[in-house]
Amino acid sequence: MKINDTSRISALNPYQRTNETQRPEETKKTARKDEVTISTEAMEMLQAANKPADSERTARIQELKQQVSAGTYSVDANKIAEKLLPFLAE
């Protein structure tokens, strides 16, 4: 049983002839460059994300970092359990 006709192998890529006939200078003229444009809304979001946090939050974060690095930061297991209970009860 013959699955593929050997005379039809050249028909597998009909676009190859088109690519071979094109001149290289034509492809250089028609080649386009990719562009990226960022909308004004995206720029505003980026600027808002890069704004420094308020001083109270920054001070709290520094305090927590110091506690963690000193080994004095403790986690209240009861508070964690209270927060997880509604999710586990579903």
Protein backbone atom coordinates (compact mmCIF):
# COMPACT_ATOMS: atom_id res chain seq x y z
CA MET A 1 0.00 0.00 0.00
CA LYS A 2 1.40 3.34 -1.02
CA ILE A 3 0.58 6.22 1.32
CA ASN A 4 2.38 9.14 -0.30
CA ASP A 5 2.75 9.77 -3.98
CA THR A 6 6.44 10.53 -4.54
CA SER A 7 5.71 12.83 -7.46
CA ARG A 8 3.83 15.22 -5.19
CA ILE A 9 6.72 15.99 -2.83
CA SER A 10 7.34 19.33 -4.54
CA ALA A 11 3.75 20.34 -3.79
CA LEU A 12 4.35 20.23 -0.04
CA ASN A 13 5.70 23.76 0.09
CA PRO A 14 4.10 25.86 -2.68
CA TYR A 15 5.31 29.06 -0.99
CA GLN A 16 8.95 28.14 -1.43
CA ARG A 17 8.86 29.18 -5.07
CA THR A 18 7.43 32.57 -4.12
CA ASN A 19 10.16 33.14 -1.55
CA GLU A 20 12.88 32.13 -3.98
CA THR A 21 11.65 34.49 -6.68
CA GLN A 22 11.59 37.55 -4.43
CA ARG A 23 14.60 39.76 -4.64
CA PRO A 24 16.44 40.58 -1.40
CA GLU A 25 16.09 44.33 -1.95
CA GLU A 26 12.30 44.00 -2.07
CA THR A 27 12.23 42.30 1.30
CA LYS A 28 14.40 45.02 2.83
CA LYS A 29 12.02 47.74 1.66
CA THR A 30 8.93 46.00 2.94
CA ALA A 31 10.41 44.90 6.27
CA ARG A 32 8.68 46.62 9.17
CA LYS A 33 9.99 47.29 12.63
CA ASP A 34 8.06 46.44 15.77
CA GLU A 35 6.80 49.30 17.90
CA VAL A 36 5.49 49.44 21.42
CA THR A 37 3.26 52.24 22.63
CA ILE A 38 2.22 52.64 26.23
CA SER A 39 -1.11 54.31 26.89
CA THR A 40 -1.42 57.30 29.19
CA GLU A 41 -3.43 55.21 31.65
CA ALA A 42 -0.64 52.65 31.84
CA MET A 43 1.92 55.40 32.37
CA GLU A 44 -0.18 56.82 35.24
CA MET A 45 -0.43 53.37 36.81
CA LEU A 46 3.32 52.90 36.51
CA GLN A 47 4.00 56.26 38.14
CA ALA A 48 1.51 55.51 40.93
CA ALA A 49 3.19 52.16 41.60
CA ASN A 50 6.61 53.81 41.83
CA LYS A 51 5.52 56.51 44.31
CA PRO A 52 7.04 56.14 47.74
CA ALA A 53 4.72 54.72 50.39
CA ASP A 54 3.48 56.96 53.17
CA SER A 55 5.77 57.44 56.14
CA GLU A 56 3.65 55.43 58.62
CA ARG A 57 3.64 52.36 56.39
CA THR A 58 7.37 52.67 55.72
CA ALA A 59 8.09 52.97 59.44
CA ARG A 60 5.95 49.87 60.20
CA ILE A 61 7.72 47.86 57.51
CA GLN A 62 11.13 48.84 58.86
CA GLU A 63 10.03 47.91 62.37
CA LEU A 64 8.85 44.48 61.21
CA LYS A 65 12.08 43.91 59.27
CA GLN A 66 14.12 44.68 62.37
CA GLN A 67 12.01 42.32 64.48
CA VAL A 68 12.39 39.50 61.95
CA SER A 69 16.14 39.98 61.62
CA ALA A 70 16.55 40.13 65.42
CA GLY A 71 14.37 37.04 65.89
CA THR A 72 11.89 38.80 68.15
CA TYR A 73 8.95 38.75 65.72
CA SER A 74 6.24 36.40 66.92
CA VAL A 75 3.11 35.27 65.14
CA ASP A 76 -0.15 34.86 67.02
CA ALA A 77 -1.50 31.47 65.92
CA ASN A 78 -5.00 32.29 67.18
CA LYS A 79 -5.27 35.30 64.84
CA ILE A 80 -4.13 33.22 61.89
CA ALA A 81 -6.65 30.51 62.74
CA GLU A 82 -9.46 33.09 62.97
CA LYS A 83 -8.59 34.44 59.52
CA LEU A 84 -8.32 30.97 57.95
CA LEU A 85 -11.48 29.54 59.50
CA PRO A 86 -13.94 31.19 57.05
CA PHE A 87 -11.98 29.83 54.08
CA LEU A 88 -11.76 26.32 55.52
CA ALA A 89 -15.44 26.22 56.53
CA GLU A 90 -16.60 26.55 52.91
